[in-house]
C-alpha atoms as a PDB file:
ATOM      1  CA  MET A   1     102.100 144.777  97.305  1.00  0.00           C
ATOM      2  CA  LEU A   2      99.112 145.915  99.387  1.00  0.00           C
ATOM      3  CA  GLY A   3      97.531 148.398  97.023  1.00  0.00           C
ATOM      4  CA  GLU A   4      97.408 152.173  96.795  1.00  0.00           C
ATOM      5  CA  ARG A   5      95.776 153.105 100.080  1.00  0.00           C
ATOM      6  CA  PRO A   6      97.116 152.500 103.592  1.00  0.00           C
ATOM      7  CA  ARG A   7      95.935 149.274 105.168  1.00  0.00           C
ATOM      8  CA  ARG A   8      95.853 147.759 108.630  1.00  0.00           C
ATOM      9  CA  VAL A   9      98.333 144.903 108.272  1.00  0.00           C
ATOM     10  CA  LEU A  10      98.958 141.943 110.564  1.00  0.00           C
ATOM     11  CA  GLU A  11     102.600 140.909 110.426  1.00  0.00           C
ATOM     12  CA  LEU A  12     103.125 137.370 111.705  1.00  0.00           C
ATOM     13  CA  GLY A  13     106.554 136.560 113.079  1.00  0.00           C
ATOM     14  CA  ALA A  14     107.630 140.209 112.947  1.00  0.00           C
ATOM     15  CA  GLY A  15     110.873 139.489 114.815  1.00  0.00           C
ATOM     16  CA  THR A  16     113.046 142.576 115.154  1.00  0.00           C
ATOM     17  CA  GLY A  17     110.946 144.559 112.695  1.00  0.00           C
ATOM     18  CA  LEU A  18     112.757 144.537 109.353  1.00  0.00           C
ATOM     19  CA  LEU A  19     109.552 144.115 107.305  1.00  0.00           C
ATOM     20  CA  THR A  20     107.685 146.218 109.877  1.00  0.00           C
ATOM     21  CA  GLY A  21     109.797 149.222 108.916  1.00  0.00           C
ATOM     22  CA  VAL A  22     109.049 148.706 105.225  1.00  0.00           C
ATOM     23  CA  LEU A  23     105.321 148.515 105.899  1.00  0.00           C
ATOM     24  CA  LEU A  24     105.373 151.632 108.074  1.00  0.00           C
ATOM     25  CA  ALA A  25     107.362 153.562 105.460  1.00  0.00           C
ATOM     26  CA  ALA A  26     104.668 152.651 102.905  1.00  0.00           C
ATOM     27  CA  GLY A  27     102.068 154.279 105.163  1.00  0.00           C
ATOM     28  CA  HIS A  28     100.445 151.157 106.606  1.00  0.00           C
ATOM     29  CA  GLU A  29      99.316 150.607 110.178  1.00  0.00           C
ATOM     30  CA  VAL A  30     101.080 147.505 111.470  1.00  0.00           C
ATOM     31  CA  VAL A  31      99.892 145.066 114.102  1.00  0.00           C
ATOM     32  CA  ALA A  32     102.735 142.672 114.868  1.00  0.00           C
ATOM     33  CA  VAL A  33     102.727 139.218 116.429  1.00  0.00           C
ATOM     34  CA  VAL A  34     105.976 137.767 117.738  1.00  0.00           C
ATOM     35  CA  PRO A  35     106.615 134.427 119.471  1.00  0.00           C
ATOM     36  CA  SER A  36     108.300 135.633 122.674  1.00  0.00           C
ATOM     37  CA  ASP A  37     108.691 138.458 125.158  1.00  0.00           C
ATOM     38  CA  GLU A  38     112.325 138.850 124.070  1.00  0.00           C
ATOM     39  CA  MET A  39     111.325 139.461 120.449  1.00  0.00           C
ATOM     40  CA  LEU A  40     108.574 141.798 121.609  1.00  0.00           C
ATOM     41  CA  ALA A  41     111.118 143.927 123.465  1.00  0.00           C
ATOM     42  CA  GLN A  42     113.377 144.115 120.397  1.00  0.00           C
ATOM     43  CA  LEU A  43     110.489 145.017 118.095  1.00  0.00           C
ATOM     44  CA  ARG A  44     109.204 147.718 120.445  1.00  0.00           C
ATOM     45  CA  ALA A  45     112.690 149.186 120.795  1.00  0.00           C
ATOM     46  CA  GLY A  46     112.841 149.810 117.050  1.00  0.00           C
ATOM     47  CA  HIS A  47     109.170 150.545 116.385  1.00  0.00           C
ATOM     48  CA  PRO A  48     107.436 151.799 119.549  1.00  0.00           C
ATOM     49  CA  GLN A  49     104.419 153.020 117.544  1.00  0.00           C
ATOM     50  CA  VAL A  50     103.465 149.487 116.457  1.00  0.00           C
ATOM     51  CA  ALA A  51     100.781 147.533 118.303  1.00  0.00           C
ATOM     52  CA  ALA A  52     102.654 144.337 119.109  1.00  0.00           C
ATOM     53  CA  HIS A  53     101.588 141.114 120.808  1.00  0.00           C
ATOM     54  CA  VAL A  54     103.152 137.839 121.849  1.00  0.00           C
ATOM     55  CA  GLY A  55     101.371 135.008 120.079  1.00  0.00           C
ATOM     56  CA  GLU A  56     101.428 132.393 117.351  1.00  0.00           C
ATOM     57  CA  ALA A  57      99.975 132.139 113.870  1.00  0.00           C
ATOM     58  CA  GLU A  58      97.635 129.388 115.031  1.00  0.00           C
ATOM     59  CA  ALA A  59      96.055 131.673 117.652  1.00  0.00           C
ATOM     60  CA  VAL A  60      96.415 135.335 116.680  1.00  0.00           C
ATOM     61  CA  PRO A  61      95.363 137.584 119.580  1.00  0.00           C
ATOM     62  CA  LEU A  62      93.033 139.722 117.426  1.00  0.00           C
ATOM     63  CA  PRO A  63      89.340 139.617 116.546  1.00  0.00           C
ATOM     64  CA  ASP A  64      88.259 138.070 113.245  1.00  0.00           C
ATOM     65  CA  ALA A  65      88.352 140.576 110.355  1.00  0.00           C
ATOM     66  CA  GLY A  66      90.456 142.930 112.493  1.00  0.00           C
ATOM     67  CA  VAL A  67      92.975 143.622 109.710  1.00  0.00           C
ATOM     68  CA  ASP A  68      92.971 144.202 105.956  1.00  0.00           C
ATOM     69  CA  ALA A  69      95.939 141.973 105.115  1.00  0.00           C
ATOM     70  CA  VAL A  70      98.276 139.406 106.673  1.00  0.00           C
ATOM     71  CA  VAL A  71     101.977 139.157 105.839  1.00  0.00           C
ATOM     72  CA  ALA A  72     104.859 137.016 107.047  1.00  0.00           C
ATOM     73  CA  GLY A  73     108.317 138.076 105.922  1.00  0.00           C
ATOM     74  CA  GLN A  74     110.768 135.449 107.065  1.00  0.00           C
ATOM     75  CA  PRO A  75     109.493 134.116 110.365  1.00  0.00           C
ATOM     76  CA  ASP A  76     111.581 131.444 112.043  1.00  0.00           C
ATOM     77  CA  PHE A  77     109.369 128.403 112.515  1.00  0.00           C
ATOM     78  CA  ARG A  78     112.239 126.026 113.340  1.00  0.00           C
ATOM     79  CA  SER A  79     111.315 125.874 117.012  1.00  0.00           C
ATOM     80  CA  LYS A  80     107.780 124.789 116.066  1.00  0.00           C
ATOM     81  CA  LEU A  81     109.031 122.190 113.600  1.00  0.00           C
ATOM     82  CA  SER A  82     111.390 120.623 116.104  1.00  0.00           C
ATOM     83  CA  ALA A  83     108.453 120.147 118.506  1.00  0.00           C
ATOM     84  CA  TRP A  84     106.596 118.055 115.899  1.00  0.00           C
END
Protein backbone atom coordinates (compact mmCIF):
# COMPACT_ATOMS: atom_id res chain seq x y z
CA MET A 1 0.00 0.00 0.00
CA LEU A 2 2.78 2.47 0.87
CA GLY A 3 5.66 0.96 -1.04
CA GLU A 4 8.70 -1.10 -0.12
CA ARG A 5 10.51 1.20 2.28
CA PRO A 6 9.27 2.46 5.65
CA ARG A 7 7.49 5.80 5.51
CA ARG A 8 6.42 8.47 7.96
CA VAL A 9 2.63 8.16 7.81
CA LEU A 10 -0.04 10.52 9.12
CA GLU A 11 -3.10 8.58 10.21
CA LEU A 12 -6.18 10.79 10.43
CA GLY A 13 -8.91 9.65 12.79
CA ALA A 14 -6.71 6.92 14.26
CA GLY A 15 -9.24 6.12 16.99
CA THR A 16 -8.14 3.20 19.15
CA GLY A 17 -5.33 2.26 16.78
CA LEU A 18 -6.53 -0.68 14.68
CA LEU A 19 -4.93 0.61 11.46
CA THR A 20 -2.07 2.07 13.52
CA GLY A 21 -1.03 -1.44 14.51
CA VAL A 22 -1.05 -2.59 10.89
CA LEU A 23 1.12 0.34 9.84
CA LEU A 24 3.58 -0.23 12.68
CA ALA A 25 3.82 -3.95 11.88
CA ALA A 26 4.72 -3.00 8.29
CA GLY A 27 7.65 -0.96 9.63
CA HIS A 28 6.22 2.54 9.21
CA GLU A 29 6.55 5.45 11.61
CA VAL A 30 3.05 6.60 12.50
CA VAL A 31 1.91 10.07 13.49
CA ALA A 32 -1.71 9.86 14.60
CA VAL A 33 -4.39 12.52 14.86
CA VAL A 34 -7.51 11.82 16.90
CA PRO A 35 -10.50 14.08 17.61
CA SER A 36 -10.53 13.99 21.43
CA ASP A 37 -8.50 13.51 24.58
CA GLU A 38 -10.46 10.32 25.30
CA MET A 39 -9.43 8.77 21.98
CA LEU A 40 -5.87 9.96 22.54
CA ALA A 41 -5.73 8.09 25.85
CA GLN A 42 -7.04 4.89 24.24
CA LEU A 43 -4.59 5.13 21.34
CA ARG A 44 -1.63 5.77 23.64
CA ALA A 45 -2.62 2.84 25.85
CA GLY A 46 -2.29 0.46 22.92
CA HIS A 47 0.54 2.16 21.03
CA PRO A 48 2.66 4.29 23.39
CA GLN A 49 5.44 4.60 20.79
CA VAL A 50 3.23 6.56 18.37
CA ALA A 51 3.38 10.35 18.21
CA ALA A 52 -0.27 11.23 18.70
CA HIS A 53 -2.11 14.55 18.71
CA VAL A 54 -5.64 15.80 19.24
CA GLY A 55 -6.80 17.58 16.11
CA GLU A 56 -8.94 17.52 12.99
CA ALA A 57 -8.31 16.80 9.33
CA GLU A 58 -9.01 20.44 8.49
CA ALA A 59 -6.19 21.63 10.77
CA VAL A 60 -3.55 18.93 11.22
CA PRO A 61 -1.07 19.94 13.95
CA LEU A 62 2.00 19.22 11.79
CA PRO A 63 4.19 21.28 9.46
CA ASP A 64 3.57 21.10 5.71
CA ALA A 65 5.43 18.19 4.06
CA GLY A 66 6.02 16.65 7.49
CA VAL A 67 4.96 13.15 6.39
CA ASP A 68 5.35 10.89 3.37
CA ALA A 69 1.75 9.67 3.21
CA VAL A 70 -1.69 10.30 4.73
CA VAL A 71 -4.18 7.53 5.49
CA ALA A 72 -7.62 7.39 7.07
CA GLY A 73 -8.94 3.94 7.89
CA GLN A 74 -12.50 4.31 9.09
CA PRO A 75 -12.70 7.59 10.96
CA ASP A 76 -16.06 8.50 12.44
CA PHE A 77 -17.07 11.85 10.97
CA ARG A 78 -20.70 11.64 12.15
CA SER A 79 -20.18 14.25 14.85
CA LYS A 80 -18.87 16.69 12.22
CA LEU A 81 -21.73 15.96 9.84
CA SER A 82 -24.37 16.53 12.48
CA ALA A 83 -22.89 19.99 13.15
CA TRP A 84 -23.44 20.99 9.50
